[in-house]
Amino acid sequence: MEAKKEYCPLCNMGNNCCNSKEKTLGECWCTKEVFPSEIFEILPAEEVRKTCICKSCLEEFKAY
């Protein structure tokens, strides 16, 4: 099953990543964020570096 690139692989909510939708929308919020390498360890292997994590999940992970 192919990952739906417009949804966060952690919470299945919209990830608001313009790279997942249309590159013509400009630079995405995710390009300015730091994603701890540990966050990728909790993703399904087939979605690592293929589906954007949403800002809410990223912030929650960083706060924990």
PDB file of N, CA and C in Angstrom:
ATOM      1  N   MET A   1       0.844  -1.191   0.000  1.00  0.00           N
ATOM      2  CA  MET A   1       0.000   0.000   0.000  1.00  0.00           C
ATOM      3  C   MET A   1       0.883   1.246   0.000  1.00  0.00           C
ATOM      4  N   GLU A   2       0.649   2.132  -0.928  1.00  0.00           N
ATOM      5  CA  GLU A   2       1.441   3.350  -1.034  1.00  0.00           C
ATOM      6  C   GLU A   2       0.966   4.381  -0.015  1.00  0.00           C
ATOM      7  N   ALA A   3       1.912   5.080   0.584  1.00  0.00           N
ATOM      8  CA  ALA A   3       1.585   6.101   1.580  1.00  0.00           C
ATOM      9  C   ALA A   3       0.891   7.279   0.898  1.00  0.00           C
ATOM     10  N   LYS A   4      -0.064   7.872   1.590  1.00  0.00           N
ATOM     11  CA  LYS A   4      -0.717   9.074   1.094  1.00  0.00           C
ATOM     12  C   LYS A   4       0.138  10.247   1.547  1.00  0.00           C
ATOM     13  N   LYS A   5       0.805  10.880   0.622  1.00  0.00           N
ATOM     14  CA  LYS A   5       1.803  11.884   0.939  1.00  0.00           C
ATOM     15  C   LYS A   5       1.251  13.147   1.598  1.00  0.00           C
ATOM     16  N   GLU A   6      -0.051  13.390   1.480  1.00  0.00           N
ATOM     17  CA  GLU A   6      -0.598  14.606   2.080  1.00  0.00           C
ATOM     18  C   GLU A   6      -1.037  14.409   3.532  1.00  0.00           C
ATOM     19  N   TYR A   7      -0.854  13.192   4.050  1.00  0.00           N
ATOM     20  CA  TYR A   7      -1.235  12.889   5.431  1.00  0.00           C
ATOM     21  C   TYR A   7      -0.026  12.492   6.260  1.00  0.00           C
ATOM     22  N   CYS A   8      -0.014  12.934   7.492  1.00  0.00           N
ATOM     23  CA  CYS A   8       1.056  12.593   8.426  1.00  0.00           C
ATOM     24  C   CYS A   8       1.033  11.090   8.716  1.00  0.00           C
ATOM     25  N   PRO A   9       2.179  10.434   8.647  1.00  0.00           N
ATOM     26  CA  PRO A   9       2.210   8.992   8.905  1.00  0.00           C
ATOM     27  C   PRO A   9       2.033   8.633  10.387  1.00  0.00           C
ATOM     28  N   LEU A  10       2.067   9.624  11.266  1.00  0.00           N
ATOM     29  CA  LEU A  10       1.888   9.359  12.695  1.00  0.00           C
ATOM     30  C   LEU A  10       0.445   9.526  13.150  1.00  0.00           C
ATOM     31  N   CYS A  11      -0.218  10.590  12.683  1.00  0.00           N
ATOM     32  CA  CYS A  11      -1.576  10.853  13.166  1.00  0.00           C
ATOM     33  C   CYS A  11      -2.646  10.743  12.075  1.00  0.00           C
ATOM     34  N   ASN A  12      -2.224  10.585  10.830  1.00  0.00           N
ATOM     35  CA  ASN A  12      -3.120  10.489   9.676  1.00  0.00           C
ATOM     36  C   ASN A  12      -3.932  11.754   9.404  1.00  0.00           C
ATOM     37  N   MET A  13      -3.503  12.872   9.975  1.00  0.00           N
ATOM     38  CA  MET A  13      -4.137  14.163   9.682  1.00  0.00           C
ATOM     39  C   MET A  13      -3.340  14.815   8.555  1.00  0.00           C
ATOM     40  N   GLY A  14      -3.882  15.860   7.967  1.00  0.00           N
ATOM     41  CA  GLY A  14      -3.179  16.563   6.901  1.00  0.00           C
ATOM     42  C   GLY A  14      -1.852  17.109   7.405  1.00  0.00           C
ATOM     43  N   ASN A  15      -0.795  16.965   6.613  1.00  0.00           N
ATOM     44  CA  ASN A  15       0.513  17.433   7.052  1.00  0.00           C
ATOM     45  C   ASN A  15       0.835  18.845   6.572  1.00  0.00           C
ATOM     46  N   ASN A  16      -0.026  19.418   5.747  1.00  0.00           N
ATOM     47  CA  ASN A  16       0.157  20.775   5.222  1.00  0.00           C
ATOM     48  C   ASN A  16       1.513  20.978   4.572  1.00  0.00           C
ATOM     49  N   CYS A  17       2.016  19.955   3.951  1.00  0.00           N
ATOM     50  CA  CYS A  17       3.304  20.042   3.276  1.00  0.00           C
ATOM     51  C   CYS A  17       3.080  20.344   1.809  1.00  0.00           C
ATOM     52  N   CYS A  18       3.526  21.506   1.360  1.00  0.00           N
ATOM     53  CA  CYS A  18       3.315  21.843  -0.048  1.00  0.00           C
ATOM     54  C   CYS A  18       4.199  20.986  -0.951  1.00  0.00           C
ATOM     55  N   ASN A  19       5.262  20.399  -0.420  1.00  0.00           N
ATOM     56  CA  ASN A  19       6.081  19.496  -1.223  1.00  0.00           C
ATOM     57  C   ASN A  19       5.303  18.228  -1.558  1.00  0.00           C
ATOM     58  N   SER A  20       4.348  17.865  -0.713  1.00  0.00           N
ATOM     59  CA  SER A  20       3.525  16.685  -0.956  1.00  0.00           C
ATOM     60  C   SER A  20       2.422  16.965  -1.978  1.00  0.00           C
ATOM     61  N   LYS A  21       2.077  18.220  -2.118  1.00  0.00           N
ATOM     62  CA  LYS A  21       0.967  18.586  -2.997  1.00  0.00           C
ATOM     63  C   LYS A  21       1.479  19.176  -4.313  1.00  0.00           C
ATOM     64  N   GLU A  22       2.016  20.375  -4.227  1.00  0.00           N
ATOM     65  CA  GLU A  22       2.412  21.112  -5.408  1.00  0.00           C
ATOM     66  C   GLU A  22       3.667  21.893  -5.115  1.00  0.00           C
ATOM     67  N   LYS A  23       4.722  21.635  -5.808  1.00  0.00           N
ATOM     68  CA  LYS A  23       5.970  22.350  -5.567  1.00  0.00           C
ATOM     69  C   LYS A  23       5.858  23.825  -5.955  1.00  0.00           C
ATOM     70  N   THR A  24       4.865  24.186  -6.757  1.00  0.00           N
ATOM     71  CA  THR A  24       4.700  25.577  -7.171  1.00  0.00           C
ATOM     72  C   THR A  24       4.184  26.464  -6.039  1.00  0.00           C
ATOM     73  N   LEU A  25       3.789  25.860  -4.923  1.00  0.00           N
ATOM     74  CA  LEU A  25       3.283  26.644  -3.794  1.00  0.00           C
ATOM     75  C   LEU A  25       4.403  27.355  -3.045  1.00  0.00           C
ATOM     76  N   GLY A  26       5.638  27.048  -3.357  1.00  0.00           N
ATOM     77  CA  GLY A  26       6.766  27.702  -2.708  1.00  0.00           C
ATOM     78  C   GLY A  26       7.414  26.824  -1.667  1.00  0.00           C
ATOM     79  N   GLU A  27       8.238  27.456  -0.848  1.00  0.00           N
ATOM     80  CA  GLU A  27       8.953  26.713   0.181  1.00  0.00           C
ATOM     81  C   GLU A  27       7.997  26.301   1.297  1.00  0.00           C
ATOM     82  N   CYS A  28       8.118  25.082   1.737  1.00  0.00           N
ATOM     83  CA  CYS A  28       7.219  24.545   2.757  1.00  0.00           C
ATOM     84  C   CYS A  28       7.750  24.820   4.171  1.00  0.00           C
ATOM     85  N   TRP A  29       6.860  24.774   5.128  1.00  0.00           N
ATOM     86  CA  TRP A  29       7.227  24.962   6.535  1.00  0.00           C
ATOM     87  C   TRP A  29       8.267  23.938   6.968  1.00  0.00           C
ATOM     88  N   CYS A  30       8.190  22.735   6.415  1.00  0.00           N
ATOM     89  CA  CYS A  30       9.054  21.646   6.869  1.00  0.00           C
ATOM     90  C   CYS A  30      10.525  21.852   6.500  1.00  0.00           C
ATOM     91  N   THR A  31      10.797  22.693   5.494  1.00  0.00           N
ATOM     92  CA  THR A  31      12.184  22.903   5.097  1.00  0.00           C
ATOM     93  C   THR A  31      12.956  23.733   6.110  1.00  0.00           C
ATOM     94  N   LYS A  32      12.237  24.423   6.983  1.00  0.00           N
ATOM     95  CA  LYS A  32      12.884  25.272   7.995  1.00  0.00           C
ATOM     96  C   LYS A  32      12.907  24.617   9.368  1.00  0.00           C
ATOM     97  N   GLU A  33      12.409  23.395   9.464  1.00  0.00           N
ATOM     98  CA  GLU A  33      12.341  22.679  10.731  1.00  0.00           C
ATOM     99  C   GLU A  33      13.495  21.697  10.890  1.00  0.00           C
ATOM    100  N   VAL A  34      13.784  21.378  12.129  1.00  0.00           N
ATOM    101  CA  VAL A  34      14.761  20.338  12.448  1.00  0.00           C
ATOM    102  C   VAL A  34      13.975  19.120  12.909  1.00  0.00           C
ATOM    103  N   PHE A  35      14.168  18.017  12.226  1.00  0.00           N
ATOM    104  CA  PHE A  35      13.502  16.767  12.571  1.00  0.00           C
ATOM    105  C   PHE A  35      14.519  15.865  13.256  1.00  0.00           C
ATOM    106  N   PRO A  36      14.343  15.602  14.563  1.00  0.00           N
ATOM    107  CA  PRO A  36      15.272  14.700  15.254  1.00  0.00           C
ATOM    108  C   PRO A  36      15.285  13.335  14.571  1.00  0.00           C
ATOM    109  N   SER A  37      16.449  12.749  14.438  1.00  0.00           N
ATOM    110  CA  SER A  37      16.550  11.451  13.749  1.00  0.00           C
ATOM    111  C   SER A  37      15.704  10.379  14.434  1.00  0.00           C
ATOM    112  N   GLU A  38      15.491  10.505  15.729  1.00  0.00           N
ATOM    113  CA  GLU A  38      14.699   9.519  16.472  1.00  0.00           C
ATOM    114  C   GLU A  38      13.239   9.475  16.028  1.00  0.00           C
ATOM    115  N   ILE A  39      12.735  10.576  15.494  1.00  0.00           N
ATOM    116  CA  ILE A  39      11.329  10.584  15.070  1.00  0.00           C
ATOM    117  C   ILE A  39      11.105   9.616  13.911  1.00  0.00           C
ATOM    118  N   PHE A  40      12.118   9.412  13.087  1.00  0.00           N
ATOM    119  CA  PHE A  40      11.988   8.514  11.945  1.00  0.00           C
ATOM    120  C   PHE A  40      11.975   7.045  12.366  1.00  0.00           C
ATOM    121  N   GLU A  41      12.458   6.775  13.563  1.00  0.00           N
ATOM    122  CA  GLU A  41      12.475   5.400  14.068  1.00  0.00           C
ATOM    123  C   GLU A  41      11.084   4.894  14.438  1.00  0.00           C
ATOM    124  N   ILE A  42      10.139   5.810  14.649  1.00  0.00           N
ATOM    125  CA  ILE A  42       8.787   5.396  15.034  1.00  0.00           C
ATOM    126  C   ILE A  42       7.835   5.306  13.828  1.00  0.00           C
ATOM    127  N   LEU A  43       8.344   5.610  12.647  1.00  0.00           N
ATOM    128  CA  LEU A  43       7.531   5.531  11.435  1.00  0.00           C
ATOM    129  C   LEU A  43       7.570   4.131  10.829  1.00  0.00           C
ATOM    130  N   PRO A  44       6.514   3.752  10.123  1.00  0.00           N
ATOM    131  CA  PRO A  44       6.588   2.510   9.353  1.00  0.00           C
ATOM    132  C   PRO A  44       7.722   2.644   8.330  1.00  0.00           C
ATOM    133  N   ALA A  45       8.499   1.618   8.137  1.00  0.00           N
ATOM    134  CA  ALA A  45       9.681   1.663   7.266  1.00  0.00           C
ATOM    135  C   ALA A  45       9.364   2.186   5.865  1.00  0.00           C
ATOM    136  N   GLU A  46       8.210   1.816   5.323  1.00  0.00           N
ATOM    137  CA  GLU A  46       7.868   2.234   3.964  1.00  0.00           C
ATOM    138  C   GLU A  46       7.532   3.715   3.838  1.00  0.00           C
ATOM    139  N   GLU A  47       7.383   4.412   4.962  1.00  0.00           N
ATOM    140  CA  GLU A  47       7.041   5.829   4.918  1.00  0.00           C
ATOM    141  C   GLU A  47       8.201   6.744   5.301  1.00  0.00           C
ATOM    142  N   VAL A  48       9.313   6.194   5.717  1.00  0.00           N
ATOM    143  CA  VAL A  48      10.461   7.013   6.106  1.00  0.00           C
ATOM    144  C   VAL A  48      10.978   7.780   4.897  1.00  0.00           C
ATOM    145  N   ARG A  49      11.072   9.093   5.066  1.00  0.00           N
ATOM    146  CA  ARG A  49      11.562  10.018   4.037  1.00  0.00           C
ATOM    147  C   ARG A  49      10.691  10.047   2.781  1.00  0.00           C
ATOM    148  N   LYS A  50       9.456   9.556   2.891  1.00  0.00           N
ATOM    149  CA  LYS A  50       8.542   9.577   1.754  1.00  0.00           C
ATOM    150  C   LYS A  50       7.263  10.343   2.065  1.00  0.00           C
ATOM    151  N   THR A  51       6.949  10.485   3.333  1.00  0.00           N
ATOM    152  CA  THR A  51       5.729  11.164   3.763  1.00  0.00           C
ATOM    153  C   THR A  51       6.080  12.140   4.874  1.00  0.00           C
ATOM    154  N   CYS A  52       5.622  13.378   4.753  1.00  0.00           N
ATOM    155  CA  CYS A  52       5.958  14.391   5.754  1.00  0.00           C
ATOM    156  C   CYS A  52       5.183  14.198   7.057  1.00  0.00           C
ATOM    157  N   ILE A  53       5.891  14.373   8.140  1.00  0.00           N
ATOM    158  CA  ILE A  53       5.301  14.386   9.470  1.00  0.00           C
ATOM    159  C   ILE A  53       4.702  15.779   9.666  1.00  0.00           C
ATOM    160  N   CYS A  54       3.534  15.870  10.257  1.00  0.00           N
ATOM    161  CA  CYS A  54       2.903  17.180  10.445  1.00  0.00           C
ATOM    162  C   CYS A  54       3.589  17.966  11.559  1.00  0.00           C
ATOM    163  N   LYS A  55       3.359  19.263  11.539  1.00  0.00           N
ATOM    164  CA  LYS A  55       3.978  20.158  12.518  1.00  0.00           C
ATOM    165  C   LYS A  55       3.540  19.813  13.942  1.00  0.00           C
ATOM    166  N   SER A  56       2.281  19.436  14.119  1.00  0.00           N
ATOM    167  CA  SER A  56       1.782  19.087  15.452  1.00  0.00           C
ATOM    168  C   SER A  56       2.522  17.880  16.023  1.00  0.00           C
ATOM    169  N   CYS A  57       2.695  16.840  15.207  1.00  0.00           N
ATOM    170  CA  CYS A  57       3.403  15.648  15.679  1.00  0.00           C
ATOM    171  C   CYS A  57       4.871  15.957  15.935  1.00  0.00           C
ATOM    172  N   LEU A  58       5.474  16.784  15.085  1.00  0.00           N
ATOM    173  CA  LEU A  58       6.861  17.174  15.287  1.00  0.00           C
ATOM    174  C   LEU A  58       7.019  17.922  16.603  1.00  0.00           C
ATOM    175  N   GLU A  59       6.155  18.896  16.864  1.00  0.00           N
ATOM    176  CA  GLU A  59       6.231  19.674  18.098  1.00  0.00           C
ATOM    177  C   GLU A  59       5.983  18.802  19.321  1.00  0.00           C
ATOM    178  N   GLU A  60       5.025  17.885  19.227  1.00  0.00           N
ATOM    179  CA  GLU A  60       4.733  16.980  20.332  1.00  0.00           C
ATOM    180  C   GLU A  60       5.947  16.081  20.607  1.00  0.00           C
ATOM    181  N   PHE A  61       6.566  15.582  19.556  1.00  0.00           N
ATOM    182  CA  PHE A  61       7.744  14.721  19.722  1.00  0.00           C
ATOM    183  C   PHE A  61       8.898  15.491  20.377  1.00  0.00           C
ATOM    184  N   LYS A  62       9.118  16.723  19.937  1.00  0.00           N
ATOM    185  CA  LYS A  62      10.201  17.548  20.482  1.00  0.00           C
ATOM    186  C   LYS A  62       9.942  17.894  21.946  1.00  0.00           C
ATOM    187  N   ALA A  63       8.677  18.078  22.322  1.00  0.00           N
ATOM    188  CA  ALA A  63       8.334  18.437  23.698  1.00  0.00           C
ATOM    189  C   ALA A  63       8.480  17.277  24.655  1.00  0.00           C
ATOM    190  N   TYR A  64       8.408  16.059  24.132  1.00  0.00           N
ATOM    191  CA  TYR A  64       8.477  14.861  24.956  1.00  0.00           C
ATOM    192  C   TYR A  64       9.880  14.575  25.307  1.00  0.00           C
TER     193      TYR A  64
END
